[in-house]
C-alpha cells in the first residue's frame, strides 16, 4: 500500500514539474529545490522513527505498581 502511494506521489510531482517547466527554468529550479528539500526532510524524519527512539513517557508506566501484602 505504501509503495502504491509513493509511486502515485512521484507521478503527481513529475506531472506538476512538467507543468511548471512551461513557466521557465527559474520556476522549475525553484520547484525542484522545494521538492528535494521536502523529500530530504521526510527521509530524515522517517529514519529518526525507525531508529527506535521514542519518548520515555510513552514507553514507561506513569506510576510504580503498588503491591498489597
PDB file of N, CA and C in Angstrom:
ATOM      1  N   UNK A   1       0.824  -1.189   0.000  1.00  0.00           N
ATOM      2  CA  UNK A   1       0.000   0.000   0.000  1.00  0.00           C
ATOM      3  C   UNK A   1       0.874   1.261   0.000  1.00  0.00           C
ATOM      4  N   UNK A   2       1.932   1.232   0.803  1.00  0.00           N
ATOM      5  CA  UNK A   2       2.794   2.408   0.877  1.00  0.00           C
ATOM      6  C   UNK A   2       3.564   2.596  -0.429  1.00  0.00           C
ATOM      7  N   UNK A   3       3.881   1.496  -1.116  1.00  0.00           N
ATOM      8  CA  UNK A   3       4.582   1.602  -2.393  1.00  0.00           C
ATOM      9  C   UNK A   3       3.690   2.233  -3.458  1.00  0.00           C
ATOM     10  N   UNK A   4       2.419   1.896  -3.424  1.00  0.00           N
ATOM     11  CA  UNK A   4       1.472   2.481  -4.370  1.00  0.00           C
ATOM     12  C   UNK A   4       1.326   3.980  -4.116  1.00  0.00           C
ATOM     13  N   UNK A   5       1.265   4.363  -2.853  1.00  0.00           N
ATOM     14  CA  UNK A   5       1.182   5.787  -2.507  1.00  0.00           C
ATOM     15  C   UNK A   5       2.435   6.519  -2.961  1.00  0.00           C
ATOM     16  N   UNK A   6       3.596   5.936  -2.731  1.00  0.00           N
ATOM     17  CA  UNK A   6       4.854   6.574  -3.122  1.00  0.00           C
ATOM     18  C   UNK A   6       4.926   6.728  -4.637  1.00  0.00           C
ATOM     19  N   UNK A   7       4.502   5.709  -5.352  1.00  0.00           N
ATOM     20  CA  UNK A   7       4.508   5.783  -6.812  1.00  0.00           C
ATOM     21  C   UNK A   7       3.569   6.872  -7.308  1.00  0.00           C
ATOM     22  N   UNK A   8       2.384   6.952  -6.749  1.00  0.00           N
ATOM     23  CA  UNK A   8       1.441   7.978  -7.186  1.00  0.00           C
ATOM     24  C   UNK A   8       1.943   9.381  -6.827  1.00  0.00           C
ATOM     25  N   UNK A   9       2.597   9.503  -5.693  1.00  0.00           N
ATOM     26  CA  UNK A   9       3.160  10.801  -5.301  1.00  0.00           C
ATOM     27  C   UNK A   9       4.253  11.233  -6.270  1.00  0.00           C
ATOM     28  N   UNK A  10       5.112  10.314  -6.637  1.00  0.00           N
ATOM     29  CA  UNK A  10       6.176  10.626  -7.603  1.00  0.00           C
ATOM     30  C   UNK A  10       5.586  11.031  -8.946  1.00  0.00           C
ATOM     31  N   UNK A  11       4.560  10.331  -9.386  1.00  0.00           N
ATOM     32  CA  UNK A  11       3.941  10.667 -10.669  1.00  0.00           C
ATOM     33  C   UNK A  11       3.260  12.027 -10.636  1.00  0.00           C
ATOM     34  N   UNK A  12       2.612  12.349  -9.544  1.00  0.00           N
ATOM     35  CA  UNK A  12       1.967  13.660  -9.414  1.00  0.00           C
ATOM     36  C   UNK A  12       3.022  14.765  -9.389  1.00  0.00           C
ATOM     37  N   UNK A  13       4.099  14.557  -8.626  1.00  0.00           N
ATOM     38  CA  UNK A  13       5.165  15.552  -8.582  1.00  0.00           C
ATOM     39  C   UNK A  13       5.819  15.739  -9.946  1.00  0.00           C
ATOM     40  N   UNK A  14       5.967  14.659 -10.695  1.00  0.00           N
ATOM     41  CA  UNK A  14       6.540  14.752 -12.031  1.00  0.00           C
ATOM     42  C   UNK A  14       5.600  15.511 -12.968  1.00  0.00           C
ATOM     43  N   UNK A  15       4.310  15.270 -12.869  1.00  0.00           N
ATOM     44  CA  UNK A  15       3.348  15.980 -13.710  1.00  0.00           C
ATOM     45  C   UNK A  15       3.339  17.472 -13.390  1.00  0.00           C
ATOM     46  N   UNK A  16       3.381  17.802 -12.106  1.00  0.00           N
ATOM     47  CA  UNK A  16       3.433  19.217 -11.715  1.00  0.00           C
ATOM     48  C   UNK A  16       4.741  19.838 -12.186  1.00  0.00           C
ATOM     49  N   UNK A  17       5.841  19.112 -12.061  1.00  0.00           N
ATOM     50  CA  UNK A  17       7.122  19.607 -12.544  1.00  0.00           C
ATOM     51  C   UNK A  17       7.109  19.864 -14.042  1.00  0.00           C
ATOM     52  N   UNK A  18       6.464  18.978 -14.779  1.00  0.00           N
ATOM     53  CA  UNK A  18       6.355  19.171 -16.228  1.00  0.00           C
ATOM     54  C   UNK A  18       5.553  20.427 -16.541  1.00  0.00           C
ATOM     55  N   UNK A  19       4.479  20.660 -15.785  1.00  0.00           N
ATOM     56  CA  UNK A  19       3.665  21.863 -15.991  1.00  0.00           C
ATOM     57  C   UNK A  19       4.434  23.123 -15.607  1.00  0.00           C
ATOM     58  N   UNK A  20       5.200  23.048 -14.533  1.00  0.00           N
ATOM     59  CA  UNK A  20       5.983  24.210 -14.084  1.00  0.00           C
ATOM     60  C   UNK A  20       7.102  24.510 -15.077  1.00  0.00           C
ATOM     61  N   UNK A  21       7.617  23.499 -15.746  1.00  0.00           N
ATOM     62  CA  UNK A  21       8.707  23.722 -16.699  1.00  0.00           C
ATOM     63  C   UNK A  21       8.279  24.633 -17.848  1.00  0.00           C
ATOM     64  N   UNK A  22       6.990  24.691 -18.111  1.00  0.00           N
ATOM     65  CA  UNK A  22       6.499  25.586 -19.155  1.00  0.00           C
ATOM     66  C   UNK A  22       6.655  27.048 -18.748  1.00  0.00           C
ATOM     67  N   UNK A  23       6.798  27.308 -17.448  1.00  0.00           N
ATOM     68  CA  UNK A  23       6.957  28.679 -16.961  1.00  0.00           C
ATOM     69  C   UNK A  23       8.391  29.177 -17.068  1.00  0.00           C
ATOM     70  N   UNK A  24       9.316  28.260 -17.266  1.00  0.00           N
ATOM     71  CA  UNK A  24      10.707  28.670 -17.431  1.00  0.00           C
ATOM     72  C   UNK A  24      11.633  27.930 -16.495  1.00  0.00           C
ATOM     73  N   UNK A  25      12.915  28.151 -16.734  1.00  0.00           N
ATOM     74  CA  UNK A  25      13.952  27.443 -15.973  1.00  0.00           C
ATOM     75  C   UNK A  25      14.002  27.895 -14.516  1.00  0.00           C
ATOM     76  N   UNK A  26      13.733  29.166 -14.272  1.00  0.00           N
ATOM     77  CA  UNK A  26      13.782  29.676 -12.896  1.00  0.00           C
ATOM     78  C   UNK A  26      12.673  29.047 -12.061  1.00  0.00           C
ATOM     79  N   UNK A  27      11.479  28.973 -12.609  1.00  0.00           N
ATOM     80  CA  UNK A  27      10.353  28.367 -11.885  1.00  0.00           C
ATOM     81  C   UNK A  27      10.594  26.881 -11.655  1.00  0.00           C
ATOM     82  N   UNK A  28      11.137  26.200 -12.645  1.00  0.00           N
ATOM     83  CA  UNK A  28      11.423  24.777 -12.495  1.00  0.00           C
ATOM     84  C   UNK A  28      12.503  24.544 -11.450  1.00  0.00           C
ATOM     85  N   UNK A  29      13.526  25.387 -11.446  1.00  0.00           N
ATOM     86  CA  UNK A  29      14.591  25.259 -10.441  1.00  0.00           C
ATOM     87  C   UNK A  29      14.043  25.468  -9.035  1.00  0.00           C
ATOM     88  N   UNK A  30      13.202  26.468  -8.864  1.00  0.00           N
ATOM     89  CA  UNK A  30      12.599  26.723  -7.553  1.00  0.00           C
ATOM     90  C   UNK A  30      11.723  25.548  -7.124  1.00  0.00           C
ATOM     91  N   UNK A  31      10.972  25.008  -8.054  1.00  0.00           N
ATOM     92  CA  UNK A  31      10.117  23.852  -7.753  1.00  0.00           C
ATOM     93  C   UNK A  31      10.965  22.649  -7.336  1.00  0.00           C
ATOM     94  N   UNK A  32      12.037  22.398  -8.044  1.00  0.00           N
ATOM     95  CA  UNK A  32      12.904  21.267  -7.713  1.00  0.00           C
ATOM     96  C   UNK A  32      13.562  21.446  -6.348  1.00  0.00           C
ATOM     97  N   UNK A  33      13.950  22.667  -6.013  1.00  0.00           N
ATOM     98  CA  UNK A  33      14.549  22.924  -4.694  1.00  0.00           C
ATOM     99  C   UNK A  33      13.539  22.615  -3.593  1.00  0.00           C
ATOM    100  N   UNK A  34      12.310  23.051  -3.781  1.00  0.00           N
ATOM    101  CA  UNK A  34      11.269  22.797  -2.774  1.00  0.00           C
ATOM    102  C   UNK A  34      10.994  21.302  -2.646  1.00  0.00           C
ATOM    103  N   UNK A  35      10.860  20.603  -3.758  1.00  0.00           N
ATOM    104  CA  UNK A  35      10.548  19.171  -3.725  1.00  0.00           C
ATOM    105  C   UNK A  35      11.690  18.377  -3.089  1.00  0.00           C
ATOM    106  N   UNK A  36      12.926  18.676  -3.463  1.00  0.00           N
ATOM    107  CA  UNK A  36      14.068  17.951  -2.903  1.00  0.00           C
ATOM    108  C   UNK A  36      14.206  18.231  -1.412  1.00  0.00           C
ATOM    109  N   UNK A  37      13.987  19.467  -0.997  1.00  0.00           N
ATOM    110  CA  UNK A  37      14.052  19.807   0.427  1.00  0.00           C
ATOM    111  C   UNK A  37      13.000  19.047   1.222  1.00  0.00           C
ATOM    112  N   UNK A  38      11.784  19.025   0.726  1.00  0.00           N
ATOM    113  CA  UNK A  38      10.722  18.288   1.421  1.00  0.00           C
ATOM    114  C   UNK A  38      11.010  16.792   1.460  1.00  0.00           C
ATOM    115  N   UNK A  39      11.569  16.262   0.390  1.00  0.00           N
ATOM    116  CA  UNK A  39      11.917  14.841   0.349  1.00  0.00           C
ATOM    117  C   UNK A  39      13.002  14.517   1.374  1.00  0.00           C
ATOM    118  N   UNK A  40      14.022  15.360   1.456  1.00  0.00           N
ATOM    119  CA  UNK A  40      15.092  15.132   2.427  1.00  0.00           C
ATOM    120  C   UNK A  40      14.577  15.224   3.865  1.00  0.00           C
ATOM    121  N   UNK A  41      13.691  16.157   4.124  1.00  0.00           N
ATOM    122  CA  UNK A  41      13.114  16.271   5.463  1.00  0.00           C
ATOM    123  C   UNK A  41      12.267  15.045   5.814  1.00  0.00           C
ATOM    124  N   UNK A  42      11.535  14.534   4.846  1.00  0.00           N
ATOM    125  CA  UNK A  42      10.717  13.350   5.090  1.00  0.00           C
ATOM    126  C   UNK A  42      11.584  12.126   5.359  1.00  0.00           C
ATOM    127  N   UNK A  43      12.665  11.970   4.603  1.00  0.00           N
ATOM    128  CA  UNK A  43      13.574  10.836   4.816  1.00  0.00           C
ATOM    129  C   UNK A  43      14.237  10.938   6.174  1.00  0.00           C
ATOM    130  N   UNK A  44      14.652  12.134   6.542  1.00  0.00           N
ATOM    131  CA  UNK A  44      15.295  12.326   7.848  1.00  0.00           C
ATOM    132  C   UNK A  44      14.333  12.019   8.987  1.00  0.00           C
ATOM    133  N   UNK A  45      13.099  12.443   8.832  1.00  0.00           N
ATOM    134  CA  UNK A  45      12.099  12.172   9.874  1.00  0.00           C
ATOM    135  C   UNK A  45      11.816  10.678   9.987  1.00  0.00           C
ATOM    136  N   UNK A  46      11.725  10.003   8.852  1.00  0.00           N
ATOM    137  CA  UNK A  46      11.454   8.570   8.854  1.00  0.00           C
ATOM    138  C   UNK A  46      12.594   7.794   9.488  1.00  0.00           C
ATOM    139  N   UNK A  47      13.822   8.179   9.205  1.00  0.00           N
ATOM    140  CA  UNK A  47      14.973   7.487   9.802  1.00  0.00           C
ATOM    141  C   UNK A  47      14.987   7.646  11.308  1.00  0.00           C
ATOM    142  N   UNK A  48      14.574   8.789  11.794  1.00  0.00           N
ATOM    143  CA  UNK A  48      14.515   9.013  13.232  1.00  0.00           C
ATOM    144  C   UNK A  48      13.482   8.120  13.897  1.00  0.00           C
ATOM    145  N   UNK A  49      12.388   7.860  13.219  1.00  0.00           N
ATOM    146  CA  UNK A  49      11.352   6.999  13.772  1.00  0.00           C
ATOM    147  C   UNK A  49      11.757   5.534  13.715  1.00  0.00           C
ATOM    148  N   UNK A  50      12.545   5.146  12.730  1.00  0.00           N
ATOM    149  CA  UNK A  50      12.938   3.755  12.587  1.00  0.00           C
ATOM    150  C   UNK A  50      14.044   3.353  13.553  1.00  0.00           C
ATOM    151  N   UNK A  51      14.745   4.335  14.100  1.00  0.00           N
ATOM    152  CA  UNK A  51      15.880   4.000  14.949  1.00  0.00           C
ATOM    153  C   UNK A  51      15.452   3.543  16.340  1.00  0.00           C
ATOM    154  N   UNK A  52      14.170   3.558  16.622  1.00  0.00           N
ATOM    155  CA  UNK A  52      13.686   3.071  17.905  1.00  0.00           C
ATOM    156  C   UNK A  52      13.673   4.120  18.987  1.00  0.00           C
ATOM    157  N   UNK A  53      13.967   5.335  18.650  1.00  0.00           N
ATOM    158  CA  UNK A  53      13.936   6.392  19.648  1.00  0.00           C
ATOM    159  C   UNK A  53      12.500   6.810  19.905  1.00  0.00           C
ATOM    160  N   UNK A  54      12.071   6.626  21.104  1.00  0.00           N
ATOM    161  CA  UNK A  54      10.743   7.079  21.484  1.00  0.00           C
ATOM    162  C   UNK A  54      10.860   7.858  22.779  1.00  0.00           C
ATOM    163  N   UNK A  55       9.862   8.592  23.088  1.00  0.00           N
ATOM    164  CA  UNK A  55       9.904   9.353  24.333  1.00  0.00           C
ATOM    165  C   UNK A  55       9.669   8.420  25.521  1.00  0.00           C
ATOM    166  N   UNK A  56      10.212   8.782  26.659  1.00  0.00           N
ATOM    167  CA  UNK A  56      10.112   7.929  27.839  1.00  0.00           C
ATOM    168  C   UNK A  56       8.683   7.880  28.376  1.00  0.00           C
ATOM    169  N   UNK A  57       7.926   8.944  28.166  1.00  0.00           N
ATOM    170  CA  UNK A  57       6.574   8.961  28.725  1.00  0.00           C
ATOM    171  C   UNK A  57       5.652   7.965  28.022  1.00  0.00           C
ATOM    172  N   UNK A  58       5.952   7.610  26.796  1.00  0.00           N
ATOM    173  CA  UNK A  58       5.096   6.682  26.060  1.00  0.00           C
ATOM    174  C   UNK A  58       5.487   5.219  26.269  1.00  0.00           C
ATOM    175  N   UNK A  59       6.690   4.978  26.744  1.00  0.00           N
ATOM    176  CA  UNK A  59       7.161   3.607  26.839  1.00  0.00           C
ATOM    177  C   UNK A  59       7.250   3.095  28.275  1.00  0.00           C
ATOM    178  N   UNK A  60       6.978   3.941  29.230  1.00  0.00           N
ATOM    179  CA  UNK A  60       7.052   3.502  30.621  1.00  0.00           C
ATOM    180  C   UNK A  60       5.726   3.785  31.312  1.00  0.00           C
ATOM    181  N   UNK A  61       5.549   3.174  32.463  1.00  0.00           N
ATOM    182  CA  UNK A  61       4.319   3.411  33.219  1.00  0.00           C
ATOM    183  C   UNK A  61       4.415   4.744  33.932  1.00  0.00           C
ATOM    184  N   UNK A  62       3.287   5.353  34.147  1.00  0.00           N
ATOM    185  CA  UNK A  62       3.258   6.652  34.803  1.00  0.00           C
ATOM    186  C   UNK A  62       3.530   6.486  36.290  1.00  0.00           C
ATOM    187  N   UNK A  63       2.947   5.459  36.865  1.00  0.00           N
ATOM    188  CA  UNK A  63       3.092   5.228  38.296  1.00  0.00           C
ATOM    189  C   UNK A  63       3.764   3.886  38.538  1.00  0.00           C
ATOM    190  N   UNK A  64       4.464   3.777  39.646  1.00  0.00           N
ATOM    191  CA  UNK A  64       5.021   2.490  40.045  1.00  0.00           C
ATOM    192  C   UNK A  64       3.890   1.588  40.501  1.00  0.00           C
ATOM    193  N   UNK A  65       4.054   0.319  40.250  1.00  0.00           N
ATOM    194  CA  UNK A  65       2.994  -0.601  40.662  1.00  0.00           C
ATOM    195  C   UNK A  65       2.971  -0.704  42.192  1.00  0.00           C
ATOM    196  N   UNK A  66       1.789  -0.873  42.723  1.00  0.00           N
ATOM    197  CA  UNK A  66       1.605  -0.963  44.161  1.00  0.00           C
ATOM    198  C   UNK A  66       1.242  -2.404  44.494  1.00  0.00           C
ATOM    199  N   UNK A  67       1.977  -2.970  45.440  1.00  0.00           N
ATOM    200  CA  UNK A  67       1.695  -4.332  45.877  1.00  0.00           C
ATOM    201  C   UNK A  67       1.135  -4.298  47.288  1.00  0.00           C
ATOM    202  N   UNK A  68       0.015  -4.964  47.476  1.00  0.00           N
ATOM    203  CA  UNK A  68      -0.609  -5.040  48.818  1.00  0.00           C
ATOM    204  C   UNK A  68      -0.259  -6.385  49.391  1.00  0.00           C
ATOM    205  N   UNK A  69       0.307  -6.382  50.634  1.00  0.00           N
ATOM    206  CA  UNK A  69       0.676  -7.646  51.264  1.00  0.00           C
ATOM    207  C   UNK A  69      -0.251  -7.989  52.378  1.00  0.00           C
TER     208      UNK A  69
END
